[in-house]
Amino acid sequence: MKYVTTSALVLSVALLSSACDPFERKKSLNPTFGNAVRHNMSVQIVNPDAGSKPTTPIEMDGTRAAKAYSDYSTGTIPETKADSVTGKK
């Protein structure tokens, strides 16, 4: 009986250790495994050079912006011109 228990224990250890081979696991993975994680990290990490280049001011007509905001806040839709290709509004 002791021989059967020892054999079962040795067999169990051998099977468990063969399933935990880290080199075999790396061979079976796709070469692109982990790219999504690395991409998400690179998108979310702060860029240390972000403020080093001067930005150009945005050119905008204040009167036109005020009218667009007023139209949006009141829910009015301004009249549109006909499309030059289809002729439809």
PDB file of N, CA and C in Angstrom:
ATOM      1  N   MET A   1       0.826  -1.191   0.000  1.00  0.00           N
ATOM      2  CA  MET A   1       0.000   0.000   0.000  1.00  0.00           C
ATOM      3  C   MET A   1       0.873   1.259   0.000  1.00  0.00           C
ATOM      4  N   LYS A   2       1.983   1.228   0.730  1.00  0.00           N
ATOM      5  CA  LYS A   2       2.893   2.360   0.787  1.00  0.00           C
ATOM      6  C   LYS A   2       3.508   2.612  -0.581  1.00  0.00           C
ATOM      7  N   TYR A   3       3.769   1.564  -1.341  1.00  0.00           N
ATOM      8  CA  TYR A   3       4.342   1.688  -2.675  1.00  0.00           C
ATOM      9  C   TYR A   3       3.367   2.395  -3.619  1.00  0.00           C
ATOM     10  N   VAL A   4       2.072   2.078  -3.525  1.00  0.00           N
ATOM     11  CA  VAL A   4       1.049   2.688  -4.379  1.00  0.00           C
ATOM     12  C   VAL A   4       0.891   4.173  -4.033  1.00  0.00           C
ATOM     13  N   THR A   5       0.905   4.513  -2.764  1.00  0.00           N
ATOM     14  CA  THR A   5       0.772   5.907  -2.340  1.00  0.00           C
ATOM     15  C   THR A   5       1.979   6.723  -2.786  1.00  0.00           C
ATOM     16  N   THR A   6       3.171   6.183  -2.655  1.00  0.00           N
ATOM     17  CA  THR A   6       4.381   6.870  -3.080  1.00  0.00           C
ATOM     18  C   THR A   6       4.390   7.056  -4.590  1.00  0.00           C
ATOM     19  N   SER A   7       3.967   6.028  -5.326  1.00  0.00           N
ATOM     20  CA  SER A   7       3.921   6.122  -6.788  1.00  0.00           C
ATOM     21  C   SER A   7       2.919   7.174  -7.236  1.00  0.00           C
ATOM     22  N   ALA A   8       1.779   7.218  -6.575  1.00  0.00           N
ATOM     23  CA  ALA A   8       0.762   8.203  -6.929  1.00  0.00           C
ATOM     24  C   ALA A   8       1.262   9.613  -6.631  1.00  0.00           C
ATOM     25  N   LEU A   9       1.975   9.772  -5.534  1.00  0.00           N
ATOM     26  CA  LEU A   9       2.524  11.080  -5.179  1.00  0.00           C
ATOM     27  C   LEU A   9       3.584  11.525  -6.185  1.00  0.00           C
ATOM     28  N   VAL A  10       4.472  10.622  -6.574  1.00  0.00           N
ATOM     29  CA  VAL A  10       5.514  10.945  -7.554  1.00  0.00           C
ATOM     30  C   VAL A  10       4.888  11.277  -8.901  1.00  0.00           C
ATOM     31  N   LEU A  11       3.884  10.511  -9.303  1.00  0.00           N
ATOM     32  CA  LEU A  11       3.200  10.763 -10.572  1.00  0.00           C
ATOM     33  C   LEU A  11       2.488  12.120 -10.545  1.00  0.00           C
ATOM     34  N   SER A  12       1.864  12.455  -9.434  1.00  0.00           N
ATOM     35  CA  SER A  12       1.173  13.745  -9.317  1.00  0.00           C
ATOM     36  C   SER A  12       2.157  14.903  -9.404  1.00  0.00           C
ATOM     37  N   VAL A  13       3.271  14.797  -8.724  1.00  0.00           N
ATOM     38  CA  VAL A  13       4.281  15.851  -8.762  1.00  0.00           C
ATOM     39  C   VAL A  13       4.849  15.994 -10.161  1.00  0.00           C
ATOM     40  N   ALA A  14       5.076  14.875 -10.844  1.00  0.00           N
ATOM     41  CA  ALA A  14       5.615  14.923 -12.207  1.00  0.00           C
ATOM     42  C   ALA A  14       4.632  15.591 -13.162  1.00  0.00           C
ATOM     43  N   LEU A  15       3.363  15.267 -13.038  1.00  0.00           N
ATOM     44  CA  LEU A  15       2.356  15.887 -13.916  1.00  0.00           C
ATOM     45  C   LEU A  15       2.207  17.379 -13.629  1.00  0.00           C
ATOM     46  N   LEU A  16       2.207  17.754 -12.362  1.00  0.00           N
ATOM     47  CA  LEU A  16       2.068  19.165 -12.022  1.00  0.00           C
ATOM     48  C   LEU A  16       3.276  19.975 -12.460  1.00  0.00           C
ATOM     49  N   SER A  17       4.468  19.409 -12.301  1.00  0.00           N
ATOM     50  CA  SER A  17       5.658  20.160 -12.696  1.00  0.00           C
ATOM     51  C   SER A  17       5.777  20.271 -14.213  1.00  0.00           C
ATOM     52  N   SER A  18       5.261  19.290 -14.952  1.00  0.00           N
ATOM     53  CA  SER A  18       5.326  19.387 -16.412  1.00  0.00           C
ATOM     54  C   SER A  18       4.352  20.433 -16.943  1.00  0.00           C
ATOM     55  N   ALA A  19       3.285  20.693 -16.206  1.00  0.00           N
ATOM     56  CA  ALA A  19       2.305  21.695 -16.635  1.00  0.00           C
ATOM     57  C   ALA A  19       2.792  23.109 -16.348  1.00  0.00           C
ATOM     58  N   CYS A  20       3.798  23.267 -15.538  1.00  0.00           N
ATOM     59  CA  CYS A  20       4.275  24.591 -15.133  1.00  0.00           C
ATOM     60  C   CYS A  20       5.580  24.979 -15.821  1.00  0.00           C
ATOM     61  N   ASP A  21       5.829  24.468 -16.991  1.00  0.00           N
ATOM     62  CA  ASP A  21       7.069  24.780 -17.690  1.00  0.00           C
ATOM     63  C   ASP A  21       6.960  26.178 -18.300  1.00  0.00           C
ATOM     64  N   PRO A  22       7.670  27.173 -17.790  1.00  0.00           N
ATOM     65  CA  PRO A  22       7.515  28.539 -18.306  1.00  0.00           C
ATOM     66  C   PRO A  22       8.042  28.714 -19.725  1.00  0.00           C
ATOM     67  N   PHE A  23       9.041  27.926 -20.118  1.00  0.00           N
ATOM     68  CA  PHE A  23       9.593  28.062 -21.465  1.00  0.00           C
ATOM     69  C   PHE A  23       8.628  27.536 -22.512  1.00  0.00           C
ATOM     70  N   GLU A  24       7.946  26.456 -22.203  1.00  0.00           N
ATOM     71  CA  GLU A  24       6.969  25.900 -23.139  1.00  0.00           C
ATOM     72  C   GLU A  24       5.790  26.846 -23.293  1.00  0.00           C
ATOM     73  N   ARG A  25       5.391  27.506 -22.210  1.00  0.00           N
ATOM     74  CA  ARG A  25       4.263  28.422 -22.266  1.00  0.00           C
ATOM     75  C   ARG A  25       4.576  29.621 -23.154  1.00  0.00           C
ATOM     76  N   LYS A  26       5.785  30.135 -23.078  1.00  0.00           N
ATOM     77  CA  LYS A  26       6.150  31.283 -23.901  1.00  0.00           C
ATOM     78  C   LYS A  26       6.208  30.909 -25.373  1.00  0.00           C
ATOM     79  N   LYS A  27       6.533  29.676 -25.687  1.00  0.00           N
ATOM     80  CA  LYS A  27       6.579  29.249 -27.091  1.00  0.00           C
ATOM     81  C   LYS A  27       5.179  29.206 -27.690  1.00  0.00           C
ATOM     82  N   SER A  28       4.168  28.910 -26.873  1.00  0.00           N
ATOM     83  CA  SER A  28       2.823  28.735 -27.409  1.00  0.00           C
ATOM     84  C   SER A  28       2.057  30.045 -27.556  1.00  0.00           C
ATOM     85  N   LEU A  29       2.566  31.139 -26.990  1.00  0.00           N
ATOM     86  CA  LEU A  29       1.857  32.410 -27.083  1.00  0.00           C
ATOM     87  C   LEU A  29       2.092  33.066 -28.443  1.00  0.00           C
ATOM     88  N   ASN A  30       1.113  33.814 -28.870  1.00  0.00           N
ATOM     89  CA  ASN A  30       1.212  34.564 -30.107  1.00  0.00           C
ATOM     90  C   ASN A  30       2.278  35.656 -29.938  1.00  0.00           C
ATOM     91  N   PRO A  31       3.069  35.951 -30.966  1.00  0.00           N
ATOM     92  CA  PRO A  31       4.093  37.001 -30.825  1.00  0.00           C
ATOM     93  C   PRO A  31       3.525  38.373 -30.490  1.00  0.00           C
ATOM     94  N   THR A  32       2.262  38.625 -30.803  1.00  0.00           N
ATOM     95  CA  THR A  32       1.658  39.926 -30.516  1.00  0.00           C
ATOM     96  C   THR A  32       0.945  39.942 -29.168  1.00  0.00           C
ATOM     97  N   PHE A  33       1.123  38.894 -28.357  1.00  0.00           N
ATOM     98  CA  PHE A  33       0.473  38.825 -27.052  1.00  0.00           C
ATOM     99  C   PHE A  33       0.944  39.976 -26.174  1.00  0.00           C
ATOM    100  N   GLY A  34       0.013  40.751 -25.624  1.00  0.00           N
ATOM    101  CA  GLY A  34       0.339  41.861 -24.746  1.00  0.00           C
ATOM    102  C   GLY A  34       0.402  43.206 -25.442  1.00  0.00           C
ATOM    103  N   ASN A  35       0.212  43.250 -26.747  1.00  0.00           N
ATOM    104  CA  ASN A  35       0.284  44.530 -27.452  1.00  0.00           C
ATOM    105  C   ASN A  35      -0.815  45.487 -27.014  1.00  0.00           C
ATOM    106  N   ALA A  36      -2.003  44.973 -26.733  1.00  0.00           N
ATOM    107  CA  ALA A  36      -3.104  45.841 -26.314  1.00  0.00           C
ATOM    108  C   ALA A  36      -2.787  46.514 -24.990  1.00  0.00           C
ATOM    109  N   VAL A  37      -2.206  45.756 -24.069  1.00  0.00           N
ATOM    110  CA  VAL A  37      -1.859  46.326 -22.771  1.00  0.00           C
ATOM    111  C   VAL A  37      -0.775  47.389 -22.936  1.00  0.00           C
ATOM    112  N   ARG A  38       0.246  47.095 -23.736  1.00  0.00           N
ATOM    113  CA  ARG A  38       1.319  48.066 -23.939  1.00  0.00           C
ATOM    114  C   ARG A  38       0.791  49.321 -24.641  1.00  0.00           C
ATOM    115  N   HIS A  39      -0.134  49.146 -25.585  1.00  0.00           N
ATOM    116  CA  HIS A  39      -0.724  50.300 -26.271  1.00  0.00           C
ATOM    117  C   HIS A  39      -1.520  51.155 -25.289  1.00  0.00           C
ATOM    118  N   ASN A  40      -2.362  50.516 -24.477  1.00  0.00           N
ATOM    119  CA  ASN A  40      -3.164  51.271 -23.513  1.00  0.00           C
ATOM    120  C   ASN A  40      -2.274  52.013 -22.515  1.00  0.00           C
ATOM    121  N   MET A  41      -1.187  51.407 -22.104  1.00  0.00           N
ATOM    122  CA  MET A  41      -0.271  52.089 -21.192  1.00  0.00           C
ATOM    123  C   MET A  41       0.364  53.299 -21.862  1.00  0.00           C
ATOM    124  N   SER A  42       0.776  53.146 -23.121  1.00  0.00           N
ATOM    125  CA  SER A  42       1.430  54.267 -23.796  1.00  0.00           C
ATOM    126  C   SER A  42       0.466  55.421 -24.045  1.00  0.00           C
ATOM    127  N   VAL A  43      -0.817  55.130 -24.229  1.00  0.00           N
ATOM    128  CA  VAL A  43      -1.805  56.183 -24.443  1.00  0.00           C
ATOM    129  C   VAL A  43      -2.083  56.938 -23.146  1.00  0.00           C
ATOM    130  N   GLN A  44      -2.056  56.241 -22.012  1.00  0.00           N
ATOM    131  CA  GLN A  44      -2.453  56.853 -20.751  1.00  0.00           C
ATOM    132  C   GLN A  44      -1.301  57.466 -19.966  1.00  0.00           C
ATOM    133  N   ILE A  45      -0.070  57.154 -20.320  1.00  0.00           N
ATOM    134  CA  ILE A  45       1.074  57.710 -19.596  1.00  0.00           C
ATOM    135  C   ILE A  45       1.286  59.150 -20.051  1.00  0.00           C
ATOM    136  N   VAL A  46       1.555  60.020 -19.101  1.00  0.00           N
ATOM    137  CA  VAL A  46       1.726  61.441 -19.386  1.00  0.00           C
ATOM    138  C   VAL A  46       2.967  61.652 -20.249  1.00  0.00           C
ATOM    139  N   ASN A  47       2.840  62.490 -21.258  1.00  0.00           N
ATOM    140  CA  ASN A  47       3.948  62.815 -22.143  1.00  0.00           C
ATOM    141  C   ASN A  47       4.804  63.894 -21.482  1.00  0.00           C
ATOM    142  N   PRO A  48       6.080  63.602 -21.176  1.00  0.00           N
ATOM    143  CA  PRO A  48       6.900  64.613 -20.510  1.00  0.00           C
ATOM    144  C   PRO A  48       7.246  65.797 -21.409  1.00  0.00           C
ATOM    145  N   ASP A  49       7.143  65.663 -22.723  1.00  0.00           N
ATOM    146  CA  ASP A  49       7.464  66.752 -23.647  1.00  0.00           C
ATOM    147  C   ASP A  49       6.217  67.518 -24.087  1.00  0.00           C
ATOM    148  N   ALA A  50       5.102  67.340 -23.410  1.00  0.00           N
ATOM    149  CA  ALA A  50       3.843  67.917 -23.877  1.00  0.00           C
ATOM    150  C   ALA A  50       3.857  69.440 -23.903  1.00  0.00           C
ATOM    151  N   GLY A  51       4.465  70.103 -22.941  1.00  0.00           N
ATOM    152  CA  GLY A  51       4.414  71.555 -22.893  1.00  0.00           C
ATOM    153  C   GLY A  51       5.656  72.242 -23.424  1.00  0.00           C
ATOM    154  N   SER A  52       6.529  71.505 -24.077  1.00  0.00           N
ATOM    155  CA  SER A  52       7.787  72.105 -24.510  1.00  0.00           C
ATOM    156  C   SER A  52       7.653  72.920 -25.795  1.00  0.00           C
ATOM    157  N   LYS A  53       6.685  72.622 -26.626  1.00  0.00           N
ATOM    158  CA  LYS A  53       6.516  73.352 -27.885  1.00  0.00           C
ATOM    159  C   LYS A  53       5.426  74.411 -27.721  1.00  0.00           C
ATOM    160  N   PRO A  54       5.646  75.629 -28.217  1.00  0.00           N
ATOM    161  CA  PRO A  54       4.604  76.648 -28.111  1.00  0.00           C
ATOM    162  C   PRO A  54       3.438  76.318 -29.044  1.00  0.00           C
ATOM    163  N   THR A  55       2.255  76.604 -28.587  1.00  0.00           N
ATOM    164  CA  THR A  55       1.069  76.350 -29.408  1.00  0.00           C
ATOM    165  C   THR A  55       0.640  77.635 -30.101  1.00  0.00           C
ATOM    166  N   THR A  56       0.031  77.478 -31.258  1.00  0.00           N
ATOM    167  CA  THR A  56      -0.457  78.638 -31.993  1.00  0.00           C
ATOM    168  C   THR A  56      -1.870  78.966 -31.527  1.00  0.00           C
ATOM    169  N   PRO A  57      -2.217  80.227 -31.419  1.00  0.00           N
ATOM    170  CA  PRO A  57      -3.568  80.569 -30.987  1.00  0.00           C
ATOM    171  C   PRO A  57      -4.598  80.170 -32.047  1.00  0.00           C
ATOM    172  N   ILE A  58      -5.771  79.823 -31.606  1.00  0.00           N
ATOM    173  CA  ILE A  58      -6.849  79.428 -32.511  1.00  0.00           C
ATOM    174  C   ILE A  58      -7.509  80.688 -33.053  1.00  0.00           C
ATOM    175  N   GLU A  59      -7.591  80.774 -34.355  1.00  0.00           N
ATOM    176  CA  GLU A  59      -8.254  81.907 -35.001  1.00  0.00           C
ATOM    177  C   GLU A  59      -9.758  81.633 -35.032  1.00  0.00           C
ATOM    178  N   MET A  60     -10.541  82.533 -34.433  1.00  0.00           N
ATOM    179  CA  MET A  60     -11.982  82.331 -34.400  1.00  0.00           C
ATOM    180  C   MET A  60     -12.682  83.674 -34.373  1.00  0.00           C
ATOM    181  N   ASP A  61     -13.782  83.751 -35.081  1.00  0.00           N
ATOM    182  CA  ASP A  61     -14.592  84.955 -35.100  1.00  0.00           C
ATOM    183  C   ASP A  61     -15.528  84.916 -33.887  1.00  0.00           C
ATOM    184  N   GLY A  62     -15.416  85.893 -32.998  1.00  0.00           N
ATOM    185  CA  GLY A  62     -16.200  85.904 -31.769  1.00  0.00           C
ATOM    186  C   GLY A  62     -17.683  86.074 -32.008  1.00  0.00           C
ATOM    187  N   THR A  63     -18.043  86.891 -32.994  1.00  0.00           N
ATOM    188  CA  THR A  63     -19.458  87.122 -33.296  1.00  0.00           C
ATOM    189  C   THR A  63     -20.107  85.838 -33.793  1.00  0.00           C
ATOM    190  N   ARG A  64     -19.403  85.133 -34.672  1.00  0.00           N
ATOM    191  CA  ARG A  64     -19.944  83.877 -35.208  1.00  0.00           C
ATOM    192  C   ARG A  64     -20.062  82.824 -34.101  1.00  0.00           C
ATOM    193  N   ALA A  65     -19.081  82.764 -33.191  1.00  0.00           N
ATOM    194  CA  ALA A  65     -19.129  81.804 -32.093  1.00  0.00           C
ATOM    195  C   ALA A  65     -20.289  82.121 -31.156  1.00  0.00           C
ATOM    196  N   ALA A  66     -20.534  83.412 -30.895  1.00  0.00           N
ATOM    197  CA  ALA A  66     -21.639  83.801 -30.018  1.00  0.00           C
ATOM    198  C   ALA A  66     -22.975  83.435 -30.642  1.00  0.00           C
ATOM    199  N   LYS A  67     -23.114  83.621 -31.965  1.00  0.00           N
ATOM    200  CA  LYS A  67     -24.363  83.252 -32.647  1.00  0.00           C
ATOM    201  C   LYS A  67     -24.577  81.747 -32.610  1.00  0.00           C
ATOM    202  N   ALA A  68     -23.510  80.962 -32.816  1.00  0.00           N
ATOM    203  CA  ALA A  68     -23.626  79.507 -32.769  1.00  0.00           C
ATOM    204  C   ALA A  68     -24.043  79.052 -31.371  1.00  0.00           C
ATOM    205  N   TYR A  69     -23.482  79.664 -30.338  1.00  0.00           N
ATOM    206  CA  TYR A  69     -23.856  79.310 -28.970  1.00  0.00           C
ATOM    207  C   TYR A  69     -25.302  79.697 -28.688  1.00  0.00           C
ATOM    208  N   SER A  70     -25.706  80.863 -29.170  1.00  0.00           N
ATOM    209  CA  SER A  70     -27.082  81.316 -28.963  1.00  0.00           C
ATOM    210  C   SER A  70     -28.068  80.389 -29.668  1.00  0.00           C
ATOM    211  N   ASP A  71     -27.752  80.009 -30.910  1.00  0.00           N
ATOM    212  CA  ASP A  71     -28.614  79.084 -31.647  1.00  0.00           C
ATOM    213  C   ASP A  71     -28.706  77.739 -30.928  1.00  0.00           C
ATOM    214  N   TYR A  72     -27.591  77.278 -30.402  1.00  0.00           N
ATOM    215  CA  TYR A  72     -27.576  75.990 -29.707  1.00  0.00           C
ATOM    216  C   TYR A  72     -28.399  76.053 -28.426  1.00  0.00           C
ATOM    217  N   SER A  73     -28.231  77.128 -27.661  1.00  0.00           N
ATOM    218  CA  SER A  73     -28.921  77.218 -26.370  1.00  0.00           C
ATOM    219  C   SER A  73     -30.424  77.434 -26.528  1.00  0.00           C
ATOM    220  N   THR A  74     -30.853  78.094 -27.604  1.00  0.00           N
ATOM    221  CA  THR A  74     -32.286  78.306 -27.822  1.00  0.00           C
ATOM    222  C   THR A  74     -32.921  77.188 -28.633  1.00  0.00           C
ATOM    223  N   GLY A  75     -32.113  76.342 -29.238  1.00  0.00           N
ATOM    224  CA  GLY A  75     -32.654  75.220 -30.005  1.00  0.00           C
ATOM    225  C   GLY A  75     -33.102  75.596 -31.401  1.00  0.00           C
ATOM    226  N   THR A  76     -32.694  76.738 -31.909  1.00  0.00           N
ATOM    227  CA  THR A  76     -33.065  77.139 -33.264  1.00  0.00           C
ATOM    228  C   THR A  76     -32.040  76.619 -34.270  1.00  0.00           C
ATOM    229  N   ILE A  77     -32.522  76.274 -35.423  1.00  0.00           N
ATOM    230  CA  ILE A  77     -31.641  75.795 -36.492  1.00  0.00           C
ATOM    231  C   ILE A  77     -31.617  76.854 -37.580  1.00  0.00           C
ATOM    232  N   PRO A  78     -30.444  77.379 -37.897  1.00  0.00           N
ATOM    233  CA  PRO A  78     -30.391  78.417 -38.931  1.00  0.00           C
ATOM    234  C   PRO A  78     -30.687  77.824 -40.309  1.00  0.00           C
ATOM    235  N   GLU A  79     -31.153  78.667 -41.196  1.00  0.00           N
ATOM    236  CA  GLU A  79     -31.448  78.244 -42.570  1.00  0.00           C
ATOM    237  C   GLU A  79     -30.150  77.887 -43.275  1.00  0.00           C
ATOM    238  N   THR A  80     -30.162  76.763 -43.983  1.00  0.00           N
ATOM    239  CA  THR A  80     -28.958  76.315 -44.681  1.00  0.00           C
ATOM    240  C   THR A  80     -29.079  76.573 -46.171  1.00  0.00           C
ATOM    241  N   LYS A  81     -27.945  76.650 -46.807  1.00  0.00           N
ATOM    242  CA  LYS A  81     -27.924  76.838 -48.250  1.00  0.00           C
ATOM    243  C   LYS A  81     -28.010  75.486 -48.938  1.00  0.00           C
ATOM    244  N   ALA A  82     -28.390  75.491 -50.222  1.00  0.00           N
ATOM    245  CA  ALA A  82     -28.472  74.255 -50.990  1.00  0.00           C
ATOM    246  C   ALA A  82     -27.063  73.699 -51.230  1.00  0.00           C
ATOM    247  N   ASP A  83     -26.974  72.391 -51.254  1.00  0.00           N
ATOM    248  CA  ASP A  83     -25.691  71.737 -51.508  1.00  0.00           C
ATOM    249  C   ASP A  83     -25.312  71.947 -52.964  1.00  0.00           C
ATOM    250  N   SER A  84     -24.057  72.260 -53.226  1.00  0.00           N
ATOM    251  CA  SER A  84     -23.638  72.563 -54.588  1.00  0.00           C
ATOM    252  C   SER A  84     -23.584  71.325 -55.465  1.00  0.00           C
ATOM    253  N   VAL A  85     -23.516  70.134 -54.868  1.00  0.00           N
ATOM    254  CA  VAL A  85     -23.419  68.902 -55.667  1.00  0.00           C
ATOM    255  C   VAL A  85     -24.792  68.332 -55.953  1.00  0.00           C
ATOM    256  N   THR A  86     -25.600  68.169 -54.911  1.00  0.00           N
ATOM    257  CA  THR A  86     -26.900  67.524 -55.113  1.00  0.00           C
ATOM    258  C   THR A  86     -28.026  68.527 -55.340  1.00  0.00           C
ATOM    259  N   GLY A  87     -27.836  69.769 -54.897  1.00  0.00           N
ATOM    260  CA  GLY A  87     -28.904  70.762 -55.040  1.00  0.00           C
ATOM    261  C   GLY A  87     -29.929  70.657 -53.947  1.00  0.00           C
ATOM    262  N   LYS A  88     -29.741  69.716 -52.982  1.00  0.00           N
ATOM    263  CA  LYS A  88     -30.682  69.555 -51.881  1.00  0.00           C
ATOM    264  C   LYS A  88     -30.167  70.283 -50.654  1.00  0.00           C
ATOM    265  N   LYS A  89     -31.111  70.598 -49.776  1.00  0.00           N
ATOM    266  CA  LYS A  89     -30.732  71.212 -48.510  1.00  0.00           C
ATOM    267  C   LYS A  89     -30.308  70.162 -47.531  1.00  0.00           C
TER     268      LYS A  89
END
